[in-house]
Amino acid sequence: MKLALPQWAGDILSYGGKRALVGIVLVGSVLVVGWSLTARVSLITEAHSSIQSAFLLDRELTTLRTKWSGRIQEEIDQEVRQADAQLIQGFEHTVQWLENVRAQSLKLGFSW
């Protein structure tokens, strides 16, 4: 017993229908590959931009290091060490500053 196929199924199974089906599959495949490449290109562009920024920052840092003499670098290092030492010692200067601000605000009539 032979199955009766609908008209559209017979058209698909015909030679022209097979060509159309292959064309549709081919176009769909190209669209999927194109969409995938578009997503990849944006990621590649973003990575390239990030690498370029890091390179430019490194080059600028190298330029700054060559412009400054060792004496200036030593002064900056000394200032950083002094700042670290003040932070580690405590917050007595902060307490004194807050007391001064409180006294000034009370003189001006602000509530603390």
PDB file of N, CA and C in Angstrom:
ATOM      1  N   MET A   1       0.841  -1.158   0.000  1.00  0.00           N
ATOM      2  CA  MET A   1       0.000   0.000   0.000  1.00  0.00           C
ATOM      3  C   MET A   1       0.901   1.241   0.000  1.00  0.00           C
ATOM      4  N   LYS A   2       0.640   2.118  -0.914  1.00  0.00           N
ATOM      5  CA  LYS A   2       1.454   3.321  -1.071  1.00  0.00           C
ATOM      6  C   LYS A   2       0.802   4.479  -0.323  1.00  0.00           C
ATOM      7  N   LEU A   3       1.629   5.226   0.434  1.00  0.00           N
ATOM      8  CA  LEU A   3       1.096   6.367   1.183  1.00  0.00           C
ATOM      9  C   LEU A   3       0.876   7.539   0.243  1.00  0.00           C
ATOM     10  N   ALA A   4      -0.190   8.218   0.452  1.00  0.00           N
ATOM     11  CA  ALA A   4      -0.474   9.417  -0.341  1.00  0.00           C
ATOM     12  C   ALA A   4       0.107  10.622   0.395  1.00  0.00           C
ATOM     13  N   LEU A   5       0.967  11.343  -0.285  1.00  0.00           N
ATOM     14  CA  LEU A   5       1.595  12.517   0.311  1.00  0.00           C
ATOM     15  C   LEU A   5       0.825  13.767  -0.072  1.00  0.00           C
ATOM     16  N   PRO A   6       0.814  14.775   0.823  1.00  0.00           N
ATOM     17  CA  PRO A   6       0.177  16.042   0.447  1.00  0.00           C
ATOM     18  C   PRO A   6       0.951  16.697  -0.692  1.00  0.00           C
ATOM     19  N   GLN A   7       0.330  17.670  -1.301  1.00  0.00           N
ATOM     20  CA  GLN A   7       0.922  18.333  -2.459  1.00  0.00           C
ATOM     21  C   GLN A   7       2.253  19.001  -2.104  1.00  0.00           C
ATOM     22  N   TRP A   8       2.328  19.687  -0.961  1.00  0.00           N
ATOM     23  CA  TRP A   8       3.559  20.378  -0.589  1.00  0.00           C
ATOM     24  C   TRP A   8       4.707  19.401  -0.358  1.00  0.00           C
ATOM     25  N   ALA A   9       4.403  18.215   0.190  1.00  0.00           N
ATOM     26  CA  ALA A   9       5.452  17.213   0.390  1.00  0.00           C
ATOM     27  C   ALA A   9       5.946  16.700  -0.947  1.00  0.00           C
ATOM     28  N   GLY A  10       5.032  16.511  -1.902  1.00  0.00           N
ATOM     29  CA  GLY A  10       5.436  16.075  -3.223  1.00  0.00           C
ATOM     30  C   GLY A  10       6.300  17.118  -3.901  1.00  0.00           C
ATOM     31  N   ASP A  11       5.983  18.406  -3.675  1.00  0.00           N
ATOM     32  CA  ASP A  11       6.794  19.474  -4.258  1.00  0.00           C
ATOM     33  C   ASP A  11       8.201  19.492  -3.680  1.00  0.00           C
ATOM     34  N   ILE A  12       8.304  19.255  -2.382  1.00  0.00           N
ATOM     35  CA  ILE A  12       9.612  19.249  -1.740  1.00  0.00           C
ATOM     36  C   ILE A  12      10.451  18.090  -2.255  1.00  0.00           C
ATOM     37  N   LEU A  13       9.817  16.963  -2.454  1.00  0.00           N
ATOM     38  CA  LEU A  13      10.548  15.793  -2.910  1.00  0.00           C
ATOM     39  C   LEU A  13      10.876  15.844  -4.398  1.00  0.00           C
ATOM     40  N   SER A  14      10.264  16.753  -5.117  1.00  0.00           N
ATOM     41  CA  SER A  14      10.597  16.882  -6.531  1.00  0.00           C
ATOM     42  C   SER A  14      11.973  17.510  -6.675  1.00  0.00           C
ATOM     43  N   TYR A  15      12.516  17.491  -7.873  1.00  0.00           N
ATOM     44  CA  TYR A  15      13.861  18.004  -8.120  1.00  0.00           C
ATOM     45  C   TYR A  15      13.970  19.482  -7.767  1.00  0.00           C
ATOM     46  N   GLY A  16      13.016  20.295  -8.185  1.00  0.00           N
ATOM     47  CA  GLY A  16      13.047  21.725  -7.875  1.00  0.00           C
ATOM     48  C   GLY A  16      12.899  21.967  -6.386  1.00  0.00           C
ATOM     49  N   GLY A  17      12.084  21.170  -5.751  1.00  0.00           N
ATOM     50  CA  GLY A  17      11.899  21.312  -4.305  1.00  0.00           C
ATOM     51  C   GLY A  17      13.152  20.970  -3.546  1.00  0.00           C
ATOM     52  N   LYS A  18      13.872  19.967  -4.031  1.00  0.00           N
ATOM     53  CA  LYS A  18      15.121  19.598  -3.367  1.00  0.00           C
ATOM     54  C   LYS A  18      16.151  20.719  -3.509  1.00  0.00           C
ATOM     55  N   ARG A  19      16.195  21.329  -4.665  1.00  0.00           N
ATOM     56  CA  ARG A  19      17.113  22.448  -4.865  1.00  0.00           C
ATOM     57  C   ARG A  19      16.755  23.607  -3.942  1.00  0.00           C
ATOM     58  N   ALA A  20      15.462  23.865  -3.802  1.00  0.00           N
ATOM     59  CA  ALA A  20      15.024  24.942  -2.911  1.00  0.00           C
ATOM     60  C   ALA A  20      15.374  24.626  -1.468  1.00  0.00           C
ATOM     61  N   LEU A  21      15.189  23.376  -1.064  1.00  0.00           N
ATOM     62  CA  LEU A  21      15.507  22.973   0.309  1.00  0.00           C
ATOM     63  C   LEU A  21      17.002  23.118   0.571  1.00  0.00           C
ATOM     64  N   VAL A  22      17.820  22.694  -0.394  1.00  0.00           N
ATOM     65  CA  VAL A  22      19.269  22.846  -0.246  1.00  0.00           C
ATOM     66  C   VAL A  22      19.631  24.325  -0.182  1.00  0.00           C
ATOM     67  N   GLY A  23      18.981  25.142  -0.973  1.00  0.00           N
ATOM     68  CA  GLY A  23      19.234  26.583  -0.938  1.00  0.00           C
ATOM     69  C   GLY A  23      18.871  27.190   0.398  1.00  0.00           C
ATOM     70  N   ILE A  24      17.731  26.785   0.938  1.00  0.00           N
ATOM     71  CA  ILE A  24      17.300  27.303   2.244  1.00  0.00           C
ATOM     72  C   ILE A  24      18.288  26.889   3.327  1.00  0.00           C
ATOM     73  N   VAL A  25      18.711  25.637   3.298  1.00  0.00           N
ATOM     74  CA  VAL A  25      19.675  25.160   4.299  1.00  0.00           C
ATOM     75  C   VAL A  25      21.001  25.906   4.144  1.00  0.00           C
ATOM     76  N   LEU A  26      21.424  26.127   2.905  1.00  0.00           N
ATOM     77  CA  LEU A  26      22.669  26.841   2.663  1.00  0.00           C
ATOM     78  C   LEU A  26      22.598  28.280   3.168  1.00  0.00           C
ATOM     79  N   VAL A  27      21.508  28.974   2.868  1.00  0.00           N
ATOM     80  CA  VAL A  27      21.340  30.355   3.337  1.00  0.00           C
ATOM     81  C   VAL A  27      21.279  30.394   4.864  1.00  0.00           C
ATOM     82  N   GLY A  28      20.558  29.440   5.465  1.00  0.00           N
ATOM     83  CA  GLY A  28      20.490  29.379   6.929  1.00  0.00           C
ATOM     84  C   GLY A  28      21.854  29.148   7.546  1.00  0.00           C
ATOM     85  N   SER A  29      22.644  28.280   6.944  1.00  0.00           N
ATOM     86  CA  SER A  29      23.991  28.010   7.461  1.00  0.00           C
ATOM     87  C   SER A  29      24.869  29.253   7.374  1.00  0.00           C
ATOM     88  N   VAL A  30      24.791  29.953   6.244  1.00  0.00           N
ATOM     89  CA  VAL A  30      25.577  31.175   6.084  1.00  0.00           C
ATOM     90  C   VAL A  30      25.161  32.221   7.117  1.00  0.00           C
ATOM     91  N   LEU A  31      23.868  32.333   7.374  1.00  0.00           N
ATOM     92  CA  LEU A  31      23.387  33.294   8.380  1.00  0.00           C
ATOM     93  C   LEU A  31      23.888  32.941   9.774  1.00  0.00           C
ATOM     94  N   VAL A  32      23.870  31.664  10.119  1.00  0.00           N
ATOM     95  CA  VAL A  32      24.344  31.243  11.444  1.00  0.00           C
ATOM     96  C   VAL A  32      25.842  31.515  11.576  1.00  0.00           C
ATOM     97  N   VAL A  33      26.612  31.191  10.538  1.00  0.00           N
ATOM     98  CA  VAL A  33      28.057  31.450  10.579  1.00  0.00           C
ATOM     99  C   VAL A  33      28.330  32.948  10.658  1.00  0.00           C
ATOM    100  N   GLY A  34      27.583  33.749   9.898  1.00  0.00           N
ATOM    101  CA  GLY A  34      27.755  35.200   9.941  1.00  0.00           C
ATOM    102  C   GLY A  34      27.435  35.771  11.307  1.00  0.00           C
ATOM    103  N   TRP A  35      26.364  35.296  11.915  1.00  0.00           N
ATOM    104  CA  TRP A  35      25.982  35.762  13.252  1.00  0.00           C
ATOM    105  C   TRP A  35      27.066  35.394  14.261  1.00  0.00           C
ATOM    106  N   SER A  36      27.599  34.176  14.158  1.00  0.00           N
ATOM    107  CA  SER A  36      28.652  33.729  15.065  1.00  0.00           C
ATOM    108  C   SER A  36      29.908  34.577  14.896  1.00  0.00           C
ATOM    109  N   LEU A  37      30.279  34.863  13.649  1.00  0.00           N
ATOM    110  CA  LEU A  37      31.465  35.679  13.411  1.00  0.00           C
ATOM    111  C   LEU A  37      31.292  37.105  13.910  1.00  0.00           C
ATOM    112  N   THR A  38      30.091  37.646  13.795  1.00  0.00           N
ATOM    113  CA  THR A  38      29.829  38.996  14.284  1.00  0.00           C
ATOM    114  C   THR A  38      30.060  39.070  15.793  1.00  0.00           C
ATOM    115  N   ALA A  39      29.588  38.053  16.505  1.00  0.00           N
ATOM    116  CA  ALA A  39      29.795  38.032  17.956  1.00  0.00           C
ATOM    117  C   ALA A  39      31.281  37.911  18.272  1.00  0.00           C
ATOM    118  N   ARG A  40      31.987  37.099  17.522  1.00  0.00           N
ATOM    119  CA  ARG A  40      33.419  36.907  17.764  1.00  0.00           C
ATOM    120  C   ARG A  40      34.203  38.174  17.440  1.00  0.00           C
ATOM    121  N   VAL A  41      33.837  38.859  16.390  1.00  0.00           N
ATOM    122  CA  VAL A  41      34.552  40.081  15.994  1.00  0.00           C
ATOM    123  C   VAL A  41      34.433  41.136  17.086  1.00  0.00           C
ATOM    124  N   SER A  42      33.252  41.255  17.704  1.00  0.00           N
ATOM    125  CA  SER A  42      33.110  42.246  18.773  1.00  0.00           C
ATOM    126  C   SER A  42      33.987  41.886  19.966  1.00  0.00           C
ATOM    127  N   LEU A  43      34.097  40.593  20.284  1.00  0.00           N
ATOM    128  CA  LEU A  43      34.974  40.186  21.383  1.00  0.00           C
ATOM    129  C   LEU A  43      36.444  40.441  21.042  1.00  0.00           C
ATOM    130  N   ILE A  44      36.817  40.168  19.801  1.00  0.00           N
ATOM    131  CA  ILE A  44      38.197  40.397  19.383  1.00  0.00           C
ATOM    132  C   ILE A  44      38.520  41.888  19.417  1.00  0.00           C
ATOM    133  N   THR A  45      37.579  42.709  18.973  1.00  0.00           N
ATOM    134  CA  THR A  45      37.787  44.156  18.981  1.00  0.00           C
ATOM    135  C   THR A  45      37.946  44.666  20.410  1.00  0.00           C
ATOM    136  N   GLU A  46      37.126  44.163  21.306  1.00  0.00           N
ATOM    137  CA  GLU A  46      37.206  44.576  22.710  1.00  0.00           C
ATOM    138  C   GLU A  46      38.539  44.154  23.330  1.00  0.00           C
ATOM    139  N   ALA A  47      38.982  42.933  23.043  1.00  0.00           N
ATOM    140  CA  ALA A  47      40.265  42.461  23.574  1.00  0.00           C
ATOM    141  C   ALA A  47      41.421  43.278  23.006  1.00  0.00           C
ATOM    142  N   HIS A  48      41.346  43.593  21.728  1.00  0.00           N
ATOM    143  CA  HIS A  48      42.403  44.394  21.096  1.00  0.00           C
ATOM    144  C   HIS A  48      42.469  45.779  21.736  1.00  0.00           C
ATOM    145  N   SER A  49      41.313  46.375  21.984  1.00  0.00           N
ATOM    146  CA  SER A  49      41.273  47.694  22.603  1.00  0.00           C
ATOM    147  C   SER A  49      41.882  47.651  24.000  1.00  0.00           C
ATOM    148  N   SER A  50      41.562  46.603  24.750  1.00  0.00           N
ATOM    149  CA  SER A  50      42.103  46.462  26.100  1.00  0.00           C
ATOM    150  C   SER A  50      43.620  46.287  26.071  1.00  0.00           C
ATOM    151  N   ILE A  51      44.107  45.464  25.157  1.00  0.00           N
ATOM    152  CA  ILE A  51      45.549  45.243  25.048  1.00  0.00           C
ATOM    153  C   ILE A  51      46.247  46.525  24.619  1.00  0.00           C
ATOM    154  N   GLN A  52      45.638  47.247  23.691  1.00  0.00           N
ATOM    155  CA  GLN A  52      46.235  48.498  23.228  1.00  0.00           C
ATOM    156  C   GLN A  52      46.297  49.520  24.368  1.00  0.00           C
ATOM    157  N   SER A  53      45.245  49.598  25.180  1.00  0.00           N
ATOM    158  CA  SER A  53      45.252  50.525  26.313  1.00  0.00           C
ATOM    159  C   SER A  53      46.349  50.165  27.306  1.00  0.00           C
ATOM    160  N   ALA A  54      46.494  48.875  27.586  1.00  0.00           N
ATOM    161  CA  ALA A  54      47.544  48.449  28.515  1.00  0.00           C
ATOM    162  C   ALA A  54      48.921  48.778  27.957  1.00  0.00           C
ATOM    163  N   PHE A  55      49.103  48.581  26.661  1.00  0.00           N
ATOM    164  CA  PHE A  55      50.390  48.902  26.037  1.00  0.00           C
ATOM    165  C   PHE A  55      50.686  50.392  26.131  1.00  0.00           C
ATOM    166  N   LEU A  56      49.676  51.231  25.854  1.00  0.00           N
ATOM    167  CA  LEU A  56      49.880  52.675  25.917  1.00  0.00           C
ATOM    168  C   LEU A  56      50.190  53.133  27.337  1.00  0.00           C
ATOM    169  N   LEU A  57      49.510  52.551  28.322  1.00  0.00           N
ATOM    170  CA  LEU A  57      49.800  52.905  29.714  1.00  0.00           C
ATOM    171  C   LEU A  57      51.212  52.482  30.110  1.00  0.00           C
ATOM    172  N   ASP A  58      51.631  51.306  29.657  1.00  0.00           N
ATOM    173  CA  ASP A  58      52.982  50.850  29.960  1.00  0.00           C
ATOM    174  C   ASP A  58      54.015  51.765  29.321  1.00  0.00           C
ATOM    175  N   ARG A  59      53.764  52.176  28.084  1.00  0.00           N
ATOM    176  CA  ARG A  59      54.695  53.075  27.403  1.00  0.00           C
ATOM    177  C   ARG A  59      54.753  54.430  28.109  1.00  0.00           C
ATOM    178  N   GLU A  60      53.603  54.936  28.550  1.00  0.00           N
ATOM    179  CA  GLU A  60      53.580  56.222  29.268  1.00  0.00           C
ATOM    180  C   GLU A  60      54.321  56.111  30.597  1.00  0.00           C
ATOM    181  N   LEU A  61      54.141  54.988  31.289  1.00  0.00           N
ATOM    182  CA  LEU A  61      54.848  54.777  32.548  1.00  0.00           C
ATOM    183  C   LEU A  61      56.349  54.714  32.335  1.00  0.00           C
ATOM    184  N   THR A  62      56.775  54.057  31.278  1.00  0.00           N
ATOM    185  CA  THR A  62      58.206  53.992  30.960  1.00  0.00           C
ATOM    186  C   THR A  62      58.757  55.379  30.657  1.00  0.00           C
ATOM    187  N   THR A  63      57.986  56.169  29.927  1.00  0.00           N
ATOM    188  CA  THR A  63      58.410  57.535  29.610  1.00  0.00           C
ATOM    189  C   THR A  63      58.546  58.365  30.879  1.00  0.00           C
ATOM    190  N   LEU A  64      57.576  58.259  31.780  1.00  0.00           N
ATOM    191  CA  LEU A  64      57.652  59.011  33.032  1.00  0.00           C
ATOM    192  C   LEU A  64      58.836  58.578  33.880  1.00  0.00           C
ATOM    193  N   ARG A  65      59.104  57.282  33.898  1.00  0.00           N
ATOM    194  CA  ARG A  65      60.243  56.798  34.684  1.00  0.00           C
ATOM    195  C   ARG A  65      61.565  57.321  34.129  1.00  0.00           C
ATOM    196  N   THR A  66      61.678  57.429  32.824  1.00  0.00           N
ATOM    197  CA  THR A  66      62.932  57.928  32.257  1.00  0.00           C
ATOM    198  C   THR A  66      63.076  59.436  32.437  1.00  0.00           C
ATOM    199  N   LYS A  67      61.952  60.156  32.516  1.00  0.00           N
ATOM    200  CA  LYS A  67      62.018  61.606  32.704  1.00  0.00           C
ATOM    201  C   LYS A  67      62.451  61.970  34.122  1.00  0.00           C
ATOM    202  N   TRP A  68      62.002  61.198  35.095  1.00  0.00           N
ATOM    203  CA  TRP A  68      62.327  61.515  36.478  1.00  0.00           C
ATOM    204  C   TRP A  68      63.678  60.932  36.824  1.00  0.00           C
ATOM    205  N   SER A  69      64.432  61.718  37.557  1.00  0.00           N
ATOM    206  CA  SER A  69      65.736  61.217  38.001  1.00  0.00           C
ATOM    207  C   SER A  69      65.535  60.328  39.223  1.00  0.00           C
ATOM    208  N   GLY A  70      66.582  59.653  39.594  1.00  0.00           N
ATOM    209  CA  GLY A  70      66.523  58.778  40.770  1.00  0.00           C
ATOM    210  C   GLY A  70      66.253  59.559  42.045  1.00  0.00           C
ATOM    211  N   ARG A  71      66.737  60.816  42.107  1.00  0.00           N
ATOM    212  CA  ARG A  71      66.531  61.654  43.289  1.00  0.00           C
ATOM    213  C   ARG A  71      65.047  61.933  43.498  1.00  0.00           C
ATOM    214  N   ILE A  72      64.336  62.269  42.428  1.00  0.00           N
ATOM    215  CA  ILE A  72      62.899  62.562  42.539  1.00  0.00           C
ATOM    216  C   ILE A  72      62.133  61.304  42.943  1.00  0.00           C
ATOM    217  N   GLN A  73      62.521  60.183  42.369  1.00  0.00           N
ATOM    218  CA  GLN A  73      61.858  58.932  42.741  1.00  0.00           C
ATOM    219  C   GLN A  73      62.088  58.607  44.205  1.00  0.00           C
ATOM    220  N   GLU A  74      63.280  58.859  44.696  1.00  0.00           N
ATOM    221  CA  GLU A  74      63.576  58.608  46.102  1.00  0.00           C
ATOM    222  C   GLU A  74      62.762  59.524  47.008  1.00  0.00           C
ATOM    223  N   GLU A  75      62.589  60.787  46.605  1.00  0.00           N
ATOM    224  CA  GLU A  75      61.773  61.710  47.396  1.00  0.00           C
ATOM    225  C   GLU A  75      60.316  61.223  47.459  1.00  0.00           C
ATOM    226  N   ILE A  76      59.804  60.794  46.338  1.00  0.00           N
ATOM    227  CA  ILE A  76      58.418  60.298  46.315  1.00  0.00           C
ATOM    228  C   ILE A  76      58.294  59.052  47.182  1.00  0.00           C
ATOM    229  N   ASP A  77      59.248  58.135  47.078  1.00  0.00           N
ATOM    230  CA  ASP A  77      59.219  56.934  47.913  1.00  0.00           C
ATOM    231  C   ASP A  77      59.273  57.287  49.392  1.00  0.00           C
ATOM    232  N   GLN A  78      60.072  58.289  49.733  1.00  0.00           N
ATOM    233  CA  GLN A  78      60.169  58.723  51.130  1.00  0.00           C
ATOM    234  C   GLN A  78      58.828  59.294  51.608  1.00  0.00           C
ATOM    235  N   GLU A  79      58.187  60.102  50.768  1.00  0.00           N
ATOM    236  CA  GLU A  79      56.885  60.656  51.136  1.00  0.00           C
ATOM    237  C   GLU A  79      55.846  59.560  51.323  1.00  0.00           C
ATOM    238  N   VAL A  80      55.879  58.558  50.479  1.00  0.00           N
ATOM    239  CA  VAL A  80      54.945  57.437  50.612  1.00  0.00           C
ATOM    240  C   VAL A  80      55.212  56.686  51.908  1.00  0.00           C
ATOM    241  N   ARG A  81      56.463  56.465  52.236  1.00  0.00           N
ATOM    242  CA  ARG A  81      56.793  55.783  53.495  1.00  0.00           C
ATOM    243  C   ARG A  81      56.326  56.602  54.701  1.00  0.00           C
ATOM    244  N   GLN A  82      56.481  57.918  54.638  1.00  0.00           N
ATOM    245  CA  GLN A  82      56.027  58.771  55.744  1.00  0.00           C
ATOM    246  C   GLN A  82      54.503  58.712  55.879  1.00  0.00           C
ATOM    247  N   ALA A  83      53.805  58.739  54.751  1.00  0.00           N
ATOM    248  CA  ALA A  83      52.343  58.664  54.793  1.00  0.00           C
ATOM    249  C   ALA A  83      51.894  57.330  55.377  1.00  0.00           C
ATOM    250  N   ASP A  84      52.544  56.244  54.963  1.00  0.00           N
ATOM    251  CA  ASP A  84      52.212  54.934  55.528  1.00  0.00           C
ATOM    252  C   ASP A  84      52.469  54.901  57.025  1.00  0.00           C
ATOM    253  N   ALA A  85      53.569  55.488  57.458  1.00  0.00           N
ATOM    254  CA  ALA A  85      53.896  55.497  58.882  1.00  0.00           C
ATOM    255  C   ALA A  85      52.852  56.275  59.669  1.00  0.00           C
ATOM    256  N   GLN A  86      52.367  57.391  59.129  1.00  0.00           N
ATOM    257  CA  GLN A  86      51.341  58.172  59.826  1.00  0.00           C
ATOM    258  C   GLN A  86      50.028  57.399  59.906  1.00  0.00           C
ATOM    259  N   LEU A  87      49.695  56.675  58.877  1.00  0.00           N
ATOM    260  CA  LEU A  87      48.459  55.905  58.910  1.00  0.00           C
ATOM    261  C   LEU A  87      48.537  54.764  59.905  1.00  0.00           C
ATOM    262  N   ILE A  88      49.702  54.160  60.005  1.00  0.00           N
ATOM    263  CA  ILE A  88      49.860  53.026  60.904  1.00  0.00           C
ATOM    264  C   ILE A  88      49.894  53.471  62.356  1.00  0.00           C
ATOM    265  N   GLN A  89      50.430  54.677  62.647  1.00  0.00           N
ATOM    266  CA  GLN A  89      50.584  55.145  64.018  1.00  0.00           C
ATOM    267  C   GLN A  89      49.254  55.318  64.724  1.00  0.00           C
ATOM    268  N   GLY A  90      48.239  55.721  64.037  1.00  0.00           N
ATOM    269  CA  GLY A  90      46.955  55.914  64.688  1.00  0.00           C
ATOM    270  C   GLY A  90      46.204  57.066  64.079  1.00  0.00           C
ATOM    271  N   PHE A  91      45.117  57.398  64.760  1.00  0.00           N
ATOM    272  CA  PHE A  91      44.231  58.427  64.230  1.00  0.00           C
ATOM    273  C   PHE A  91      44.125  59.623  65.178  1.00  0.00           C
ATOM    274  N   GLU A  92      45.205  59.908  65.907  1.00  0.00           N
ATOM    275  CA  GLU A  92      45.164  61.034  66.839  1.00  0.00           C
ATOM    276  C   GLU A  92      44.942  62.352  66.102  1.00  0.00           C
ATOM    277  N   HIS A  93      45.583  62.513  64.941  1.00  0.00           N
ATOM    278  CA  HIS A  93      45.411  63.756  64.183  1.00  0.00           C
ATOM    279  C   HIS A  93      43.971  63.879  63.665  1.00  0.00           C
ATOM    280  N   THR A  94      43.338  62.775  63.360  1.00  0.00           N
ATOM    281  CA  THR A  94      41.937  62.807  62.902  1.00  0.00           C
ATOM    282  C   THR A  94      41.017  63.206  64.044  1.00  0.00           C
ATOM    283  N   VAL A  95      41.288  62.688  65.233  1.00  0.00           N
ATOM    284  CA  VAL A  95      40.477  63.037  66.401  1.00  0.00           C
ATOM    285  C   VAL A  95      40.612  64.523  66.700  1.00  0.00           C
ATOM    286  N   GLN A  96      41.834  65.049  66.627  1.00  0.00           N
ATOM    287  CA  GLN A  96      42.056  66.473  66.871  1.00  0.00           C
ATOM    288  C   GLN A  96      41.317  67.309  65.835  1.00  0.00           C
ATOM    289  N   TRP A  97      41.381  66.888  64.575  1.00  0.00           N
ATOM    290  CA  TRP A  97      40.689  67.623  63.506  1.00  0.00           C
ATOM    291  C   TRP A  97      39.185  67.617  63.749  1.00  0.00           C
ATOM    292  N   LEU A  98      38.626  66.478  64.131  1.00  0.00           N
ATOM    293  CA  LEU A  98      37.181  66.402  64.401  1.00  0.00           C
ATOM    294  C   LEU A  98      36.792  67.293  65.576  1.00  0.00           C
ATOM    295  N   GLU A  99      37.620  67.362  66.589  1.00  0.00           N
ATOM    296  CA  GLU A  99      37.335  68.237  67.725  1.00  0.00           C
ATOM    297  C   GLU A  99      37.339  69.697  67.296  1.00  0.00           C
ATOM    298  N   ASN A 100      38.278  70.080  66.421  1.00  0.00           N
ATOM    299  CA  ASN A 100      38.322  71.452  65.920  1.00  0.00           C
ATOM    300  C   ASN A 100      37.077  71.766  65.076  1.00  0.00           C
ATOM    301  N   VAL A 101      36.683  70.832  64.233  1.00  0.00           N
ATOM    302  CA  VAL A 101      35.491  71.033  63.404  1.00  0.00           C
ATOM    303  C   VAL A 101      34.248  71.149  64.284  1.00  0.00           C
ATOM    304  N   ARG A 102      34.180  70.348  65.317  1.00  0.00           N
ATOM    305  CA  ARG A 102      33.023  70.397  66.233  1.00  0.00           C
ATOM    306  C   ARG A 102      32.957  71.745  66.938  1.00  0.00           C
ATOM    307  N   ALA A 103      34.110  72.221  67.411  1.00  0.00           N
ATOM    308  CA  ALA A 103      34.136  73.499  68.108  1.00  0.00           C
ATOM    309  C   ALA A 103      33.737  74.636  67.165  1.00  0.00           C
ATOM    310  N   GLN A 104      34.221  74.603  65.927  1.00  0.00           N
ATOM    311  CA  GLN A 104      33.864  75.655  64.970  1.00  0.00           C
ATOM    312  C   GLN A 104      32.387  75.596  64.608  1.00  0.00           C
ATOM    313  N   SER A 105      31.845  74.381  64.465  1.00  0.00           N
ATOM    314  CA  SER A 105      30.428  74.274  64.097  1.00  0.00           C
ATOM    315  C   SER A 105      29.533  74.752  65.238  1.00  0.00           C
ATOM    316  N   LEU A 106      29.926  74.503  66.485  1.00  0.00           N
ATOM    317  CA  LEU A 106      29.134  74.988  67.612  1.00  0.00           C
ATOM    318  C   LEU A 106      29.169  76.512  67.685  1.00  0.00           C
ATOM    319  N   LYS A 107      30.334  77.114  67.358  1.00  0.00           N
ATOM    320  CA  LYS A 107      30.436  78.588  67.334  1.00  0.00           C
ATOM    321  C   LYS A 107      29.507  79.176  66.295  1.00  0.00           C
ATOM    322  N   LEU A 108      29.365  78.495  65.162  1.00  0.00           N
ATOM    323  CA  LEU A 108      28.502  79.008  64.095  1.00  0.00           C
ATOM    324  C   LEU A 108      27.020  78.680  64.310  1.00  0.00           C
ATOM    325  N   GLY A 109      26.715  77.935  65.340  1.00  0.00           N
ATOM    326  CA  GLY A 109      25.336  77.637  65.666  1.00  0.00           C
ATOM    327  C   GLY A 109      24.802  76.360  65.017  1.00  0.00           C
ATOM    328  N   PHE A 110      25.688  75.553  64.464  1.00  0.00           N
ATOM    329  CA  PHE A 110      25.261  74.280  63.899  1.00  0.00           C
ATOM    330  C   PHE A 110      25.183  73.242  64.981  1.00  0.00           C
ATOM    331  N   SER A 111      24.226  72.331  64.829  1.00  0.00           N
ATOM    332  CA  SER A 111      24.165  71.239  65.811  1.00  0.00           C
ATOM    333  C   SER A 111      25.078  70.111  65.364  1.00  0.00           C
ATOM    334  N   TRP A 112      25.734  69.511  66.283  1.00  0.00           N
ATOM    335  CA  TRP A 112      26.712  68.488  65.963  1.00  0.00           C
ATOM    336  C   TRP A 112      26.018  67.204  65.787  1.00  0.00           C
TER     337      TRP A 112
END
